[in-house]
Amino acid sequence: MSTAHEIIRRPVITEKSTADAALGKYTFEVAVGATKTEVRKAVEQLFDVKVLKVNTANYDGKTKRQGVHVGLTASWKKAVVTIDTDPKADSYLQKGGKSATAGKKYKNTIEEFGFGQ
C-alpha cells in the first residue's frame, strides 16, 4: 500500500468542483491503481475529515500532435469524495450501561483544497 501523499496527487479545480465543494464534495486526481478504500483512508488521514462516499472515474489519455509526431497524454483517475459536513461525536455504551462519547472531532471542510471559500 502506498502512502497517503502518493495516493492523493492534487485537487482538480474546475467550476463544477468549486460549486460542489460548498456541498461537501471534493475532487482529487488520485493514483491510477488506488482503490476507493485507499482513497477514503488517505483523505481521512491527510485532512482529518469523515468521508461518507467515494466515487471514482478513469480517464484515458488524449491523442495529441506536434507537427508530424503523434502521441498520447497520460491516463489518469479522478475521485469525488463526499465528506460529512455535520460530524457528530460518536457515542457508545460503557460497562454498567453508561453512555460515553468519543473524543474524535472531525472537521467539516477541507481548507487546503486550493481555493478560498
PDB file of N, CA and C in Angstrom:
ATOM      1  N   MET A   1       0.844  -1.185   0.000  1.00  0.00           N
ATOM      2  CA  MET A   1       0.000   0.000   0.000  1.00  0.00           C
ATOM      3  C   MET A   1       0.884   1.241   0.000  1.00  0.00           C
ATOM      4  N   SER A   2       0.466   2.235  -0.715  1.00  0.00           N
ATOM      5  CA  SER A   2       1.199   3.487  -0.839  1.00  0.00           C
ATOM      6  C   SER A   2       0.862   4.422   0.319  1.00  0.00           C
ATOM      7  N   THR A   3       1.633   5.472   0.437  1.00  0.00           N
ATOM      8  CA  THR A   3       1.339   6.474   1.455  1.00  0.00           C
ATOM      9  C   THR A   3       0.191   7.364   0.970  1.00  0.00           C
ATOM     10  N   ALA A   4      -0.355   8.134   1.898  1.00  0.00           N
ATOM     11  CA  ALA A   4      -1.488   8.995   1.567  1.00  0.00           C
ATOM     12  C   ALA A   4      -1.100  10.061   0.549  1.00  0.00           C
ATOM     13  N   HIS A   5       0.141  10.551   0.621  1.00  0.00           N
ATOM     14  CA  HIS A   5       0.580  11.585  -0.319  1.00  0.00           C
ATOM     15  C   HIS A   5       0.779  11.016  -1.721  1.00  0.00           C
ATOM     16  N   GLU A   6       1.071   9.724  -1.851  1.00  0.00           N
ATOM     17  CA  GLU A   6       1.214   9.108  -3.169  1.00  0.00           C
ATOM     18  C   GLU A   6      -0.149   8.806  -3.782  1.00  0.00           C
ATOM     19  N   ILE A   7      -1.157   8.551  -2.958  1.00  0.00           N
ATOM     20  CA  ILE A   7      -2.498   8.232  -3.465  1.00  0.00           C
ATOM     21  C   ILE A   7      -3.200   9.498  -3.938  1.00  0.00           C
ATOM     22  N   ILE A   8      -3.207  10.554  -3.112  1.00  0.00           N
ATOM     23  CA  ILE A   8      -3.845  11.819  -3.476  1.00  0.00           C
ATOM     24  C   ILE A   8      -2.793  12.670  -4.178  1.00  0.00           C
ATOM     25  N   ARG A   9      -2.947  12.856  -5.496  1.00  0.00           N
ATOM     26  CA  ARG A   9      -1.939  13.595  -6.260  1.00  0.00           C
ATOM     27  C   ARG A   9      -2.131  15.101  -6.162  1.00  0.00           C
ATOM     28  N   ARG A  10      -3.337  15.582  -6.493  1.00  0.00           N
ATOM     29  CA  ARG A  10      -3.602  17.023  -6.480  1.00  0.00           C
ATOM     30  C   ARG A  10      -5.104  17.232  -6.538  1.00  0.00           C
ATOM     31  N   PRO A  11      -5.588  18.415  -6.129  1.00  0.00           N
ATOM     32  CA  PRO A  11      -7.011  18.706  -6.290  1.00  0.00           C
ATOM     33  C   PRO A  11      -7.317  19.075  -7.742  1.00  0.00           C
ATOM     34  N   VAL A  12      -8.500  18.736  -8.192  1.00  0.00           N
ATOM     35  CA  VAL A  12      -8.975  19.135  -9.518  1.00  0.00           C
ATOM     36  C   VAL A  12      -9.867  20.350  -9.304  1.00  0.00           C
ATOM     37  N   ILE A  13      -9.425  21.504  -9.813  1.00  0.00           N
ATOM     38  CA  ILE A  13     -10.155  22.747  -9.577  1.00  0.00           C
ATOM     39  C   ILE A  13     -10.799  23.204 -10.879  1.00  0.00           C
ATOM     40  N   THR A  14     -12.116  23.037 -10.954  1.00  0.00           N
ATOM     41  CA  THR A  14     -12.911  23.479 -12.088  1.00  0.00           C
ATOM     42  C   THR A  14     -14.119  24.240 -11.538  1.00  0.00           C
ATOM     43  N   GLU A  15     -14.943  24.767 -12.421  1.00  0.00           N
ATOM     44  CA  GLU A  15     -16.145  25.450 -11.965  1.00  0.00           C
ATOM     45  C   GLU A  15     -17.069  24.490 -11.226  1.00  0.00           C
ATOM     46  N   LYS A  16     -17.215  23.283 -11.767  1.00  0.00           N
ATOM     47  CA  LYS A  16     -18.099  22.289 -11.152  1.00  0.00           C
ATOM     48  C   LYS A  16     -17.565  21.838  -9.792  1.00  0.00           C
ATOM     49  N   SER A  17     -16.254  21.575  -9.707  1.00  0.00           N
ATOM     50  CA  SER A  17     -15.706  21.114  -8.433  1.00  0.00           C
ATOM     51  C   SER A  17     -15.745  22.217  -7.376  1.00  0.00           C
ATOM     52  N   THR A  18     -15.614  23.465  -7.790  1.00  0.00           N
ATOM     53  CA  THR A  18     -15.705  24.577  -6.854  1.00  0.00           C
ATOM     54  C   THR A  18     -17.125  24.698  -6.310  1.00  0.00           C
ATOM     55  N   ALA A  19     -18.122  24.522  -7.163  1.00  0.00           N
ATOM     56  CA  ALA A  19     -19.515  24.582  -6.724  1.00  0.00           C
ATOM     57  C   ALA A  19     -19.856  23.387  -5.830  1.00  0.00           C
ATOM     58  N   ASP A  20     -19.319  22.205  -6.152  1.00  0.00           N
ATOM     59  CA  ASP A  20     -19.584  21.010  -5.353  1.00  0.00           C
ATOM     60  C   ASP A  20     -18.918  21.073  -3.983  1.00  0.00           C
ATOM     61  N   ALA A  21     -17.828  21.831  -3.858  1.00  0.00           N
ATOM     62  CA  ALA A  21     -17.129  21.932  -2.580  1.00  0.00           C
ATOM     63  C   ALA A  21     -18.021  22.563  -1.512  1.00  0.00           C
ATOM     64  N   ALA A  22     -18.914  23.435  -1.919  1.00  0.00           N
ATOM     65  CA  ALA A  22     -19.842  24.036  -0.966  1.00  0.00           C
ATOM     66  C   ALA A  22     -20.824  22.997  -0.427  1.00  0.00           C
ATOM     67  N   LEU A  23     -21.027  21.904  -1.168  1.00  0.00           N
ATOM     68  CA  LEU A  23     -21.929  20.829  -0.753  1.00  0.00           C
ATOM     69  C   LEU A  23     -21.196  19.701  -0.040  1.00  0.00           C
ATOM     70  N   GLY A  24     -19.886  19.838   0.122  1.00  0.00           N
ATOM     71  CA  GLY A  24     -19.114  18.805   0.807  1.00  0.00           C
ATOM     72  C   GLY A  24     -18.521  17.760  -0.121  1.00  0.00           C
ATOM     73  N   LYS A  25     -18.474  18.036  -1.438  1.00  0.00           N
ATOM     74  CA  LYS A  25     -17.884  17.112  -2.409  1.00  0.00           C
ATOM     75  C   LYS A  25     -16.590  17.720  -2.937  1.00  0.00           C
ATOM     76  N   TYR A  26     -15.494  16.998  -2.760  1.00  0.00           N
ATOM     77  CA  TYR A  26     -14.178  17.482  -3.180  1.00  0.00           C
ATOM     78  C   TYR A  26     -13.609  16.528  -4.224  1.00  0.00           C
ATOM     79  N   THR A  27     -12.989  17.079  -5.267  1.00  0.00           N
ATOM     80  CA  THR A  27     -12.491  16.305  -6.394  1.00  0.00           C
ATOM     81  C   THR A  27     -10.966  16.299  -6.373  1.00  0.00           C
ATOM     82  N   PHE A  28     -10.386  15.102  -6.503  1.00  0.00           N
ATOM     83  CA  PHE A  28      -8.940  14.942  -6.488  1.00  0.00           C
ATOM     84  C   PHE A  28      -8.497  14.078  -7.657  1.00  0.00           C
ATOM     85  N   GLU A  29      -7.286  14.338  -8.149  1.00  0.00           N
ATOM     86  CA  GLU A  29      -6.631  13.394  -9.046  1.00  0.00           C
ATOM     87  C   GLU A  29      -5.893  12.419  -8.143  1.00  0.00           C
ATOM     88  N   VAL A  30      -6.126  11.112  -8.358  1.00  0.00           N
ATOM     89  CA  VAL A  30      -5.535  10.097  -7.491  1.00  0.00           C
ATOM     90  C   VAL A  30      -4.685   9.147  -8.327  1.00  0.00           C
ATOM     91  N   ALA A  31      -3.922   8.309  -7.668  1.00  0.00           N
ATOM     92  CA  ALA A  31      -3.101   7.316  -8.351  1.00  0.00           C
ATOM     93  C   ALA A  31      -4.003   6.362  -9.126  1.00  0.00           C
ATOM     94  N   VAL A  32      -3.547   5.924 -10.295  1.00  0.00           N
ATOM     95  CA  VAL A  32      -4.372   5.094 -11.180  1.00  0.00           C
ATOM     96  C   VAL A  32      -4.731   3.764 -10.515  1.00  0.00           C
ATOM     97  N   GLY A  33      -3.839   3.210  -9.726  1.00  0.00           N
ATOM     98  CA  GLY A  33      -4.101   1.918  -9.092  1.00  0.00           C
ATOM     99  C   GLY A  33      -4.789   1.997  -7.751  1.00  0.00           C
ATOM    100  N   ALA A  34      -5.161   3.197  -7.301  1.00  0.00           N
ATOM    101  CA  ALA A  34      -5.768   3.365  -5.978  1.00  0.00           C
ATOM    102  C   ALA A  34      -7.213   2.888  -5.978  1.00  0.00           C
ATOM    103  N   THR A  35      -7.607   2.193  -4.918  1.00  0.00           N
ATOM    104  CA  THR A  35      -8.987   1.746  -4.757  1.00  0.00           C
ATOM    105  C   THR A  35      -9.770   2.797  -3.978  1.00  0.00           C
ATOM    106  N   LYS A  36     -11.098   2.632  -3.936  1.00  0.00           N
ATOM    107  CA  LYS A  36     -11.932   3.577  -3.200  1.00  0.00           C
ATOM    108  C   LYS A  36     -11.603   3.559  -1.708  1.00  0.00           C
ATOM    109  N   THR A  37     -11.310   2.378  -1.173  1.00  0.00           N
ATOM    110  CA  THR A  37     -10.970   2.268   0.240  1.00  0.00           C
ATOM    111  C   THR A  37      -9.672   2.994   0.547  1.00  0.00           C
ATOM    112  N   GLU A  38      -8.668   2.862  -0.321  1.00  0.00           N
ATOM    113  CA  GLU A  38      -7.405   3.559  -0.120  1.00  0.00           C
ATOM    114  C   GLU A  38      -7.583   5.072  -0.214  1.00  0.00           C
ATOM    115  N   VAL A  39      -8.422   5.533  -1.150  1.00  0.00           N
ATOM    116  CA  VAL A  39      -8.688   6.967  -1.283  1.00  0.00           C
ATOM    117  C   VAL A  39      -9.383   7.484  -0.032  1.00  0.00           C
ATOM    118  N   ARG A  40     -10.349   6.733   0.489  1.00  0.00           N
ATOM    119  CA  ARG A  40     -11.065   7.131   1.706  1.00  0.00           C
ATOM    120  C   ARG A  40     -10.095   7.286   2.879  1.00  0.00           C
ATOM    121  N   LYS A  41      -9.232   6.299   3.080  1.00  0.00           N
ATOM    122  CA  LYS A  41      -8.287   6.350   4.199  1.00  0.00           C
ATOM    123  C   LYS A  41      -7.284   7.488   4.031  1.00  0.00           C
ATOM    124  N   ALA A  42      -6.836   7.730   2.798  1.00  0.00           N
ATOM    125  CA  ALA A  42      -5.863   8.794   2.546  1.00  0.00           C
ATOM    126  C   ALA A  42      -6.466  10.166   2.826  1.00  0.00           C
ATOM    127  N   VAL A  43      -7.699  10.411   2.383  1.00  0.00           N
ATOM    128  CA  VAL A  43      -8.342  11.705   2.615  1.00  0.00           C
ATOM    129  C   VAL A  43      -8.601  11.906   4.108  1.00  0.00           C
ATOM    130  N   GLU A  44      -9.064  10.866   4.800  1.00  0.00           N
ATOM    131  CA  GLU A  44      -9.307  10.985   6.237  1.00  0.00           C
ATOM    132  C   GLU A  44      -8.011  11.261   6.991  1.00  0.00           C
ATOM    133  N   GLN A  45      -6.913  10.641   6.562  1.00  0.00           N
ATOM    134  CA  GLN A  45      -5.633  10.845   7.234  1.00  0.00           C
ATOM    135  C   GLN A  45      -5.060  12.232   6.947  1.00  0.00           C
ATOM    136  N   LEU A  46      -5.113  12.680   5.693  1.00  0.00           N
ATOM    137  CA  LEU A  46      -4.495  13.951   5.329  1.00  0.00           C
ATOM    138  C   LEU A  46      -5.278  15.162   5.823  1.00  0.00           C
ATOM    139  N   PHE A  47      -6.602  15.120   5.750  1.00  0.00           N
ATOM    140  CA  PHE A  47      -7.407  16.310   6.014  1.00  0.00           C
ATOM    141  C   PHE A  47      -8.227  16.232   7.290  1.00  0.00           C
ATOM    142  N   ASP A  48      -8.189  15.108   8.019  1.00  0.00           N
ATOM    143  CA  ASP A  48      -8.900  14.933   9.283  1.00  0.00           C
ATOM    144  C   ASP A  48     -10.397  15.211   9.131  1.00  0.00           C
ATOM    145  N   VAL A  49     -11.005  14.577   8.126  1.00  0.00           N
ATOM    146  CA  VAL A  49     -12.443  14.699   7.882  1.00  0.00           C
ATOM    147  C   VAL A  49     -13.046  13.296   7.880  1.00  0.00           C
ATOM    148  N   LYS A  50     -14.353  13.213   8.004  1.00  0.00           N
ATOM    149  CA  LYS A  50     -15.076  11.939   7.936  1.00  0.00           C
ATOM    150  C   LYS A  50     -15.621  11.781   6.530  1.00  0.00           C
ATOM    151  N   VAL A  51     -15.180  10.756   5.802  1.00  0.00           N
ATOM    152  CA  VAL A  51     -15.591  10.522   4.417  1.00  0.00           C
ATOM    153  C   VAL A  51     -16.841   9.655   4.415  1.00  0.00           C
ATOM    154  N   LEU A  52     -17.872  10.111   3.721  1.00  0.00           N
ATOM    155  CA  LEU A  52     -19.107   9.344   3.588  1.00  0.00           C
ATOM    156  C   LEU A  52     -19.113   8.464   2.342  1.00  0.00           C
ATOM    157  N   LYS A  53     -18.593   9.012   1.218  1.00  0.00           N
ATOM    158  CA  LYS A  53     -18.699   8.301  -0.052  1.00  0.00           C
ATOM    159  C   LYS A  53     -17.544   8.686  -0.956  1.00  0.00           C
ATOM    160  N   VAL A  54     -17.091   7.723  -1.794  1.00  0.00           N
ATOM    161  CA  VAL A  54     -16.033   7.974  -2.771  1.00  0.00           C
ATOM    162  C   VAL A  54     -16.514   7.457  -4.125  1.00  0.00           C
ATOM    163  N   ASN A  55     -16.498   8.329  -5.127  1.00  0.00           N
ATOM    164  CA  ASN A  55     -16.807   7.942  -6.500  1.00  0.00           C
ATOM    165  C   ASN A  55     -15.551   8.143  -7.330  1.00  0.00           C
ATOM    166  N   THR A  56     -15.227   7.157  -8.191  1.00  0.00           N
ATOM    167  CA  THR A  56     -14.013   7.256  -8.998  1.00  0.00           C
ATOM    168  C   THR A  56     -14.362   7.138 -10.479  1.00  0.00           C
ATOM    169  N   ALA A  57     -13.480   7.703 -11.313  1.00  0.00           N
ATOM    170  CA  ALA A  57     -13.626   7.620 -12.767  1.00  0.00           C
ATOM    171  C   ALA A  57     -12.238   7.558 -13.383  1.00  0.00           C
ATOM    172  N   ASN A  58     -12.045   6.656 -14.351  1.00  0.00           N
ATOM    173  CA  ASN A  58     -10.784   6.540 -15.068  1.00  0.00           C
ATOM    174  C   ASN A  58     -10.887   7.300 -16.384  1.00  0.00           C
ATOM    175  N   TYR A  59      -9.841   8.056 -16.716  1.00  0.00           N
ATOM    176  CA  TYR A  59      -9.802   8.811 -17.957  1.00  0.00           C
ATOM    177  C   TYR A  59      -8.627   8.329 -18.796  1.00  0.00           C
ATOM    178  N   ASP A  60      -8.886   8.020 -20.070  1.00  0.00           N
ATOM    179  CA  ASP A  60      -7.828   7.636 -20.991  1.00  0.00           C
ATOM    180  C   ASP A  60      -7.117   8.877 -21.496  1.00  0.00           C
ATOM    181  N   GLY A  61      -5.860   8.693 -21.899  1.00  0.00           N
ATOM    182  CA  GLY A  61      -5.092   9.805 -22.444  1.00  0.00           C
ATOM    183  C   GLY A  61      -5.627  10.231 -23.798  1.00  0.00           C
ATOM    184  N   LYS A  62      -5.461  11.502 -24.127  1.00  0.00           N
ATOM    185  CA  LYS A  62      -5.909  12.035 -25.409  1.00  0.00           C
ATOM    186  C   LYS A  62      -4.783  11.970 -26.424  1.00  0.00           C
ATOM    187  N   THR A  63      -5.151  11.843 -27.688  1.00  0.00           N
ATOM    188  CA  THR A  63      -4.167  11.874 -28.767  1.00  0.00           C
ATOM    189  C   THR A  63      -3.797  13.326 -29.047  1.00  0.00           C
ATOM    190  N   LYS A  64      -2.513  13.603 -29.036  1.00  0.00           N
ATOM    191  CA  LYS A  64      -2.023  14.963 -29.298  1.00  0.00           C
ATOM    192  C   LYS A  64      -0.995  14.903 -30.422  1.00  0.00           C
ATOM    193  N   ARG A  65      -0.905  16.002 -31.176  1.00  0.00           N
ATOM    194  CA  ARG A  65       0.075  16.098 -32.262  1.00  0.00           C
ATOM    195  C   ARG A  65       0.955  17.299 -32.060  1.00  0.00           C
ATOM    196  N   GLN A  66       2.186  17.158 -32.502  1.00  0.00           N
ATOM    197  CA  GLN A  66       3.092  18.297 -32.570  1.00  0.00           C
ATOM    198  C   GLN A  66       3.833  18.126 -33.897  1.00  0.00           C
ATOM    199  N   GLY A  67       3.303  18.796 -34.899  1.00  0.00           N
ATOM    200  CA  GLY A  67       3.848  18.610 -36.240  1.00  0.00           C
ATOM    201  C   GLY A  67       3.460  17.232 -36.760  1.00  0.00           C
ATOM    202  N   VAL A  68       4.452  16.454 -37.182  1.00  0.00           N
ATOM    203  CA  VAL A  68       4.176  15.113 -37.706  1.00  0.00           C
ATOM    204  C   VAL A  68       4.197  14.067 -36.598  1.00  0.00           C
ATOM    205  N   HIS A  69       4.589  14.433 -35.411  1.00  0.00           N
ATOM    206  CA  HIS A  69       4.685  13.482 -34.307  1.00  0.00           C
ATOM    207  C   HIS A  69       3.345  13.376 -33.589  1.00  0.00           C
ATOM    208  N   VAL A  70       2.896  12.143 -33.372  1.00  0.00           N
ATOM    209  CA  VAL A  70       1.626  11.878 -32.709  1.00  0.00           C
ATOM    210  C   VAL A  70       1.922  11.107 -31.430  1.00  0.00           C
ATOM    211  N   GLY A  71       1.258  11.497 -30.348  1.00  0.00           N
ATOM    212  CA  GLY A  71       1.456  10.805 -29.079  1.00  0.00           C
ATOM    213  C   GLY A  71       0.214  10.883 -28.224  1.00  0.00           C
ATOM    214  N   LEU A  72       0.282  10.279 -27.049  1.00  0.00           N
ATOM    215  CA  LEU A  72      -0.840  10.266 -26.117  1.00  0.00           C
ATOM    216  C   LEU A  72      -0.452  11.001 -24.837  1.00  0.00           C
ATOM    217  N   THR A  73      -1.416  11.720 -24.257  1.00  0.00           N
ATOM    218  CA  THR A  73      -1.207  12.254 -22.923  1.00  0.00           C
ATOM    219  C   THR A  73      -1.421  11.113 -21.934  1.00  0.00           C
ATOM    220  N   ALA A  74      -1.034  11.315 -20.711  1.00  0.00           N
ATOM    221  CA  ALA A  74      -1.110  10.255 -19.705  1.00  0.00           C
ATOM    222  C   ALA A  74      -2.558   9.981 -19.304  1.00  0.00           C
ATOM    223  N   SER A  75      -2.880   8.714 -19.021  1.00  0.00           N
ATOM    224  CA  SER A  75      -4.166   8.355 -18.454  1.00  0.00           C
ATOM    225  C   SER A  75      -4.159   8.744 -16.982  1.00  0.00           C
ATOM    226  N   TRP A  76      -5.351   9.052 -16.414  1.00  0.00           N
ATOM    227  CA  TRP A  76      -5.424   9.456 -15.021  1.00  0.00           C
ATOM    228  C   TRP A  76      -6.736   9.027 -14.406  1.00  0.00           C
ATOM    229  N   LYS A  77      -6.819   9.135 -13.083  1.00  0.00           N
ATOM    230  CA  LYS A  77      -8.001   8.719 -12.345  1.00  0.00           C
ATOM    231  C   LYS A  77      -8.466   9.871 -11.461  1.00  0.00           C
ATOM    232  N   LYS A  78      -9.791  10.087 -11.445  1.00  0.00           N
ATOM    233  CA  LYS A  78     -10.391  11.155 -10.655  1.00  0.00           C
ATOM    234  C   LYS A  78     -11.247  10.533  -9.562  1.00  0.00           C
ATOM    235  N   ALA A  79     -11.212  11.141  -8.376  1.00  0.00           N
ATOM    236  CA  ALA A  79     -12.053  10.685  -7.270  1.00  0.00           C
ATOM    237  C   ALA A  79     -12.835  11.875  -6.728  1.00  0.00           C
ATOM    238  N   VAL A  80     -14.151  11.705  -6.605  1.00  0.00           N
ATOM    239  CA  VAL A  80     -15.009  12.707  -5.978  1.00  0.00           C
ATOM    240  C   VAL A  80     -15.339  12.173  -4.588  1.00  0.00           C
ATOM    241  N   VAL A  81     -14.881  12.888  -3.567  1.00  0.00           N
ATOM    242  CA  VAL A  81     -15.012  12.455  -2.182  1.00  0.00           C
ATOM    243  C   VAL A  81     -16.075  13.299  -1.497  1.00  0.00           C
ATOM    244  N   THR A  82     -17.096  12.650  -0.939  1.00  0.00           N
ATOM    245  CA  THR A  82     -18.141  13.341  -0.188  1.00  0.00           C
ATOM    246  C   THR A  82     -17.813  13.224   1.289  1.00  0.00           C
ATOM    247  N   ILE A  83     -17.702  14.372   1.959  1.00  0.00           N
ATOM    248  CA  ILE A  83     -17.368  14.357   3.383  1.00  0.00           C
ATOM    249  C   ILE A  83     -18.603  14.698   4.207  1.00  0.00           C
ATOM    250  N   ASP A  84     -18.540  14.356   5.490  1.00  0.00           N
ATOM    251  CA  ASP A  84     -19.622  14.644   6.423  1.00  0.00           C
ATOM    252  C   ASP A  84     -19.509  16.111   6.835  1.00  0.00           C
ATOM    253  N   THR A  85     -20.482  16.936   6.430  1.00  0.00           N
ATOM    254  CA  THR A  85     -20.425  18.368   6.735  1.00  0.00           C
ATOM    255  C   THR A  85     -20.989  18.687   8.110  1.00  0.00           C
ATOM    256  N   ASP A  86     -21.618  17.705   8.775  1.00  0.00           N
ATOM    257  CA  ASP A  86     -22.148  17.907  10.123  1.00  0.00           C
ATOM    258  C   ASP A  86     -21.713  16.729  10.993  1.00  0.00           C
ATOM    259  N   PRO A  87     -20.398  16.651  11.335  1.00  0.00           N
ATOM    260  CA  PRO A  87     -19.921  15.488  12.091  1.00  0.00           C
ATOM    261  C   PRO A  87     -20.430  15.512  13.528  1.00  0.00           C
ATOM    262  N   LYS A  88     -20.903  14.379  13.966  1.00  0.00           N
ATOM    263  CA  LYS A  88     -21.385  14.213  15.330  1.00  0.00           C
ATOM    264  C   LYS A  88     -20.336  13.426  16.113  1.00  0.00           C
ATOM    265  N   ALA A  89     -20.288  13.649  17.413  1.00  0.00           N
ATOM    266  CA  ALA A  89     -19.399  12.873  18.269  1.00  0.00           C
ATOM    267  C   ALA A  89     -19.969  11.455  18.390  1.00  0.00           C
ATOM    268  N   ASP A  90     -19.103  10.456  18.268  1.00  0.00           N
ATOM    269  CA  ASP A  90     -19.530   9.066  18.379  1.00  0.00           C
ATOM    270  C   ASP A  90     -19.847   8.753  19.839  1.00  0.00           C
ATOM    271  N   SER A  91     -20.996   8.140  20.079  1.00  0.00           N
ATOM    272  CA  SER A  91     -21.356   7.750  21.443  1.00  0.00           C
ATOM    273  C   SER A  91     -21.461   6.227  21.502  1.00  0.00           C
ATOM    274  N   TYR A  92     -21.116   5.683  22.650  1.00  0.00           N
ATOM    275  CA  TYR A  92     -21.148   4.242  22.846  1.00  0.00           C
ATOM    276  C   TYR A  92     -21.459   3.960  24.305  1.00  0.00           C
ATOM    277  N   LEU A  93     -21.779   2.707  24.607  1.00  0.00           N
ATOM    278  CA  LEU A  93     -22.116   2.327  25.973  1.00  0.00           C
ATOM    279  C   LEU A  93     -20.895   1.738  26.656  1.00  0.00           C
ATOM    280  N   GLN A  94     -20.656   2.156  27.898  1.00  0.00           N
ATOM    281  CA  GLN A  94     -19.585   1.603  28.706  1.00  0.00           C
ATOM    282  C   GLN A  94     -20.146   0.507  29.605  1.00  0.00           C
ATOM    283  N   LYS A  95     -19.258  -0.090  30.406  1.00  0.00           N
ATOM    284  CA  LYS A  95     -19.721  -1.074  31.387  1.00  0.00           C
ATOM    285  C   LYS A  95     -20.670  -0.388  32.364  1.00  0.00           C
ATOM    286  N   GLY A  96     -21.717  -1.091  32.708  1.00  0.00           N
ATOM    287  CA  GLY A  96     -22.703  -0.517  33.608  1.00  0.00           C
ATOM    288  C   GLY A  96     -23.801   0.239  32.883  1.00  0.00           C
ATOM    289  N   GLY A  97     -23.750   0.292  31.548  1.00  0.00           N
ATOM    290  CA  GLY A  97     -24.797   0.931  30.775  1.00  0.00           C
ATOM    291  C   GLY A  97     -24.679   2.438  30.648  1.00  0.00           C
ATOM    292  N   LYS A  98     -23.550   3.012  31.076  1.00  0.00           N
ATOM    293  CA  LYS A  98     -23.373   4.456  30.955  1.00  0.00           C
ATOM    294  C   LYS A  98     -23.003   4.819  29.520  1.00  0.00           C
ATOM    295  N   SER A  99     -23.530   5.931  29.082  1.00  0.00           N
ATOM    296  CA  SER A  99     -23.237   6.405  27.733  1.00  0.00           C
ATOM    297  C   SER A  99     -21.999   7.301  27.771  1.00  0.00           C
ATOM    298  N   ALA A 100     -21.104   7.111  26.784  1.00  0.00           N
ATOM    299  CA  ALA A 100     -19.896   7.924  26.692  1.00  0.00           C
ATOM    300  C   ALA A 100     -19.726   8.370  25.253  1.00  0.00           C
ATOM    301  N   THR A 101     -18.988   9.449  25.050  1.00  0.00           N
ATOM    302  CA  THR A 101     -18.737   9.942  23.693  1.00  0.00           C
ATOM    303  C   THR A 101     -17.251   9.858  23.394  1.00  0.00           C
ATOM    304  N   ALA A 102     -16.937   9.614  22.126  1.00  0.00           N
ATOM    305  CA  ALA A 102     -15.543   9.546  21.702  1.00  0.00           C
ATOM    306  C   ALA A 102     -14.991  10.956  21.566  1.00  0.00           C
ATOM    307  N   GLY A 103     -13.710  11.109  21.821  1.00  0.00           N
ATOM    308  CA  GLY A 103     -13.086  12.421  21.767  1.00  0.00           C
ATOM    309  C   GLY A 103     -12.712  12.858  20.367  1.00  0.00           C
ATOM    310  N   LYS A 104     -12.940  12.029  19.342  1.00  0.00           N
ATOM    311  CA  LYS A 104     -12.544  12.354  17.968  1.00  0.00           C
ATOM    312  C   LYS A 104     -13.512  13.380  17.390  1.00  0.00           C
ATOM    313  N   LYS A 105     -12.997  14.516  16.995  1.00  0.00           N
ATOM    314  CA  LYS A 105     -13.807  15.562  16.370  1.00  0.00           C
ATOM    315  C   LYS A 105     -13.276  15.792  14.969  1.00  0.00           C
ATOM    316  N   TYR A 106     -14.128  15.654  13.985  1.00  0.00           N
ATOM    317  CA  TYR A 106     -13.739  15.816  12.589  1.00  0.00           C
ATOM    318  C   TYR A 106     -14.019  17.237  12.133  1.00  0.00           C
ATOM    319  N   LYS A 107     -13.247  17.696  11.140  1.00  0.00           N
ATOM    320  CA  LYS A 107     -13.516  18.987  10.523  1.00  0.00           C
ATOM    321  C   LYS A 107     -14.658  18.824   9.527  1.00  0.00           C
ATOM    322  N   ASN A 108     -15.327  19.933   9.191  1.00  0.00           N
ATOM    323  CA  ASN A 108     -16.441  19.841   8.249  1.00  0.00           C
ATOM    324  C   ASN A 108     -16.125  20.454   6.891  1.00  0.00           C
ATOM    325  N   THR A 109     -14.883  20.929   6.671  1.00  0.00           N
ATOM    326  CA  THR A 109     -14.452  21.417   5.367  1.00  0.00           C
ATOM    327  C   THR A 109     -12.982  21.057   5.174  1.00  0.00           C
ATOM    328  N   ILE A 110     -12.540  21.129   3.933  1.00  0.00           N
ATOM    329  CA  ILE A 110     -11.126  20.959   3.611  1.00  0.00           C
ATOM    330  C   ILE A 110     -10.615  22.322   3.167  1.00  0.00           C
ATOM    331  N   GLU A 111      -9.919  23.012   4.070  1.00  0.00           N
ATOM    332  CA  GLU A 111      -9.447  24.363   3.768  1.00  0.00           C
ATOM    333  C   GLU A 111      -8.284  24.349   2.787  1.00  0.00           C
ATOM    334  N   GLU A 112      -7.498  23.265   2.772  1.00  0.00           N
ATOM    335  CA  GLU A 112      -6.301  23.188   1.940  1.00  0.00           C
ATOM    336  C   GLU A 112      -6.627  22.781   0.507  1.00  0.00           C
ATOM    337  N   PHE A 113      -7.873  22.894   0.070  1.00  0.00           N
ATOM    338  CA  PHE A 113      -8.287  22.371  -1.218  1.00  0.00           C
ATOM    339  C   PHE A 113      -7.699  23.147  -2.384  1.00  0.00           C
ATOM    340  N   GLY A 114      -7.359  24.399  -2.207  1.00  0.00           N
ATOM    341  CA  GLY A 114      -6.722  25.139  -3.287  1.00  0.00           C
ATOM    342  C   GLY A 114      -7.454  26.395  -3.701  1.00  0.00           C
ATOM    343  N   PHE A 115      -8.539  26.733  -3.054  1.00  0.00           N
ATOM    344  CA  PHE A 115      -9.243  27.975  -3.345  1.00  0.00           C
ATOM    345  C   PHE A 115      -9.932  28.435  -2.080  1.00  0.00           C
ATOM    346  N   GLY A 116     -10.229  29.724  -2.012  1.00  0.00           N
ATOM    347  CA  GLY A 116     -10.904  30.276  -0.856  1.00  0.00           C
ATOM    348  C   GLY A 116     -12.400  30.097  -0.960  1.00  0.00           C
ATOM    349  N   GLN A 117     -13.027  29.765   0.160  1.00  0.00           N
ATOM    350  CA  GLN A 117     -14.477  29.565   0.142  1.00  0.00           C
ATOM    351  C   GLN A 117     -15.183  30.714   0.808  1.00  0.00           C
TER     352      GLN A 117
END
